[in-house]
């Protein structure tokens, strides 16, 4: 049973809860496999979202730098 991932923050929060439960030993052995699998899904989702965001930020920065360069070139 795979839960739908809603967004980065919700995924990150869920992952933190799973990790905290693992650290405290609050997960029943029968649930351990499911929780570890879910943690893997959440990590994958968060990494993908971060990569996508990094690409978007780079594109915006490139446009900004080009815009600044064009402005400086026009003033010559």
C-alpha atoms as a PDB file:
ATOM      1  CA  UNK A   1       0.000   0.000   0.000  1.00  0.00           C
ATOM      2  CA  UNK A   2       1.673   3.202  -1.222  1.00  0.00           C
ATOM      3  CA  UNK A   3       0.528   6.513   0.168  1.00  0.00           C
ATOM      4  CA  UNK A   4       0.209   9.487  -2.149  1.00  0.00           C
ATOM      5  CA  UNK A   5       2.969  12.015  -1.604  1.00  0.00           C
ATOM      6  CA  UNK A   6       1.452  15.489  -1.238  1.00  0.00           C
ATOM      7  CA  UNK A   7       4.412  17.840  -1.309  1.00  0.00           C
ATOM      8  CA  UNK A   8       7.963  18.332  -0.170  1.00  0.00           C
ATOM      9  CA  UNK A   9       7.188  19.656   3.307  1.00  0.00           C
ATOM     10  CA  UNK A  10       4.575  16.990   4.041  1.00  0.00           C
ATOM     11  CA  UNK A  11       6.961  14.298   2.797  1.00  0.00           C
ATOM     12  CA  UNK A  12       9.846  15.688   4.810  1.00  0.00           C
ATOM     13  CA  UNK A  13       7.714  15.856   7.952  1.00  0.00           C
ATOM     14  CA  UNK A  14       6.516  12.273   7.477  1.00  0.00           C
ATOM     15  CA  UNK A  15      10.099  11.135   6.930  1.00  0.00           C
ATOM     16  CA  UNK A  16      11.207  12.891  10.109  1.00  0.00           C
ATOM     17  CA  UNK A  17       8.462  11.128  12.082  1.00  0.00           C
ATOM     18  CA  UNK A  18       9.518   7.746  10.708  1.00  0.00           C
ATOM     19  CA  UNK A  19      13.179   8.403  11.500  1.00  0.00           C
ATOM     20  CA  UNK A  20      12.323   9.595  14.991  1.00  0.00           C
ATOM     21  CA  UNK A  21      10.247   6.458  15.617  1.00  0.00           C
ATOM     22  CA  UNK A  22      13.115   4.305  14.336  1.00  0.00           C
ATOM     23  CA  UNK A  23      15.620   6.062  16.596  1.00  0.00           C
ATOM     24  CA  UNK A  24      13.358   5.683  19.627  1.00  0.00           C
ATOM     25  CA  UNK A  25      12.484   2.085  18.827  1.00  0.00           C
ATOM     26  CA  UNK A  26       8.769   2.968  18.609  1.00  0.00           C
ATOM     27  CA  UNK A  27       8.104   0.857  15.509  1.00  0.00           C
ATOM     28  CA  UNK A  28       6.778  -2.637  15.904  1.00  0.00           C
ATOM     29  CA  UNK A  29       8.930  -5.242  14.169  1.00  0.00           C
ATOM     30  CA  UNK A  30       5.955  -6.193  12.000  1.00  0.00           C
ATOM     31  CA  UNK A  31       5.711  -2.591  10.727  1.00  0.00           C
ATOM     32  CA  UNK A  32       9.447  -2.049  10.317  1.00  0.00           C
ATOM     33  CA  UNK A  33       9.677  -3.253   6.713  1.00  0.00           C
ATOM     34  CA  UNK A  34       6.747  -1.080   5.639  1.00  0.00           C
ATOM     35  CA  UNK A  35       8.175   1.996   7.381  1.00  0.00           C
ATOM     36  CA  UNK A  36      11.632   1.506   5.847  1.00  0.00           C
ATOM     37  CA  UNK A  37      10.065   1.130   2.399  1.00  0.00           C
ATOM     38  CA  UNK A  38       8.001   4.273   2.919  1.00  0.00           C
ATOM     39  CA  UNK A  39      11.076   6.178   4.122  1.00  0.00           C
ATOM     40  CA  UNK A  40      12.846   5.166   0.900  1.00  0.00           C
ATOM     41  CA  UNK A  41       9.921   6.468  -1.176  1.00  0.00           C
ATOM     42  CA  UNK A  42       9.923   9.747   0.736  1.00  0.00           C
ATOM     43  CA  UNK A  43      13.670  10.210   0.346  1.00  0.00           C
ATOM     44  CA  UNK A  44      13.413   9.563  -3.384  1.00  0.00           C
ATOM     45  CA  UNK A  45      10.541  12.044  -3.721  1.00  0.00           C
ATOM     46  CA  UNK A  46      12.339  14.757  -1.734  1.00  0.00           C
ATOM     47  CA  UNK A  47      15.558  14.316  -3.706  1.00  0.00           C
ATOM     48  CA  UNK A  48      13.653  14.552  -6.990  1.00  0.00           C
ATOM     49  CA  UNK A  49      11.829  17.684  -5.858  1.00  0.00           C
ATOM     50  CA  UNK A  50      15.112  19.287  -4.777  1.00  0.00           C
ATOM     51  CA  UNK A  51      16.751  18.474  -8.132  1.00  0.00           C
ATOM     52  CA  UNK A  52      13.774  19.936 -10.017  1.00  0.00           C
ATOM     53  CA  UNK A  53      13.873  23.073  -7.904  1.00  0.00           C
ATOM     54  CA  UNK A  54      17.617  23.436  -8.433  1.00  0.00           C
ATOM     55  CA  UNK A  55      17.103  23.312 -12.211  1.00  0.00           C
ATOM     56  CA  UNK A  56      14.358  25.936 -11.998  1.00  0.00           C
ATOM     57  CA  UNK A  57      16.504  28.231  -9.846  1.00  0.00           C
ATOM     58  CA  UNK A  58      19.437  27.894 -12.273  1.00  0.00           C
ATOM     59  CA  UNK A  59      17.176  28.829 -15.199  1.00  0.00           C
ATOM     60  CA  UNK A  60      15.888  31.895 -13.381  1.00  0.00           C
ATOM     61  CA  UNK A  61      19.412  32.930 -12.401  1.00  0.00           C
ATOM     62  CA  UNK A  62      20.633  32.514 -15.987  1.00  0.00           C
ATOM     63  CA  UNK A  63      17.770  34.702 -17.246  1.00  0.00           C
ATOM     64  CA  UNK A  64      18.513  37.269 -14.556  1.00  0.00           C
ATOM     65  CA  UNK A  65      22.234  37.320 -15.357  1.00  0.00           C
ATOM     66  CA  UNK A  66      21.471  37.623 -19.085  1.00  0.00           C
ATOM     67  CA  UNK A  67      19.065  40.455 -18.366  1.00  0.00           C
ATOM     68  CA  UNK A  68      21.702  42.276 -16.298  1.00  0.00           C
ATOM     69  CA  UNK A  69      24.256  41.665 -19.044  1.00  0.00           C
ATOM     70  CA  UNK A  70      21.879  43.019 -21.693  1.00  0.00           C
ATOM     71  CA  UNK A  71      21.222  46.132 -19.596  1.00  0.00           C
ATOM     72  CA  UNK A  72      24.923  46.772 -19.149  1.00  0.00           C
ATOM     73  CA  UNK A  73      25.541  46.213 -22.858  1.00  0.00           C
ATOM     74  CA  UNK A  74      22.822  48.683 -23.850  1.00  0.00           C
ATOM     75  CA  UNK A  75      24.321  51.460 -21.737  1.00  0.00           C
ATOM     76  CA  UNK A  76      27.682  51.378 -23.535  1.00  0.00           C
END
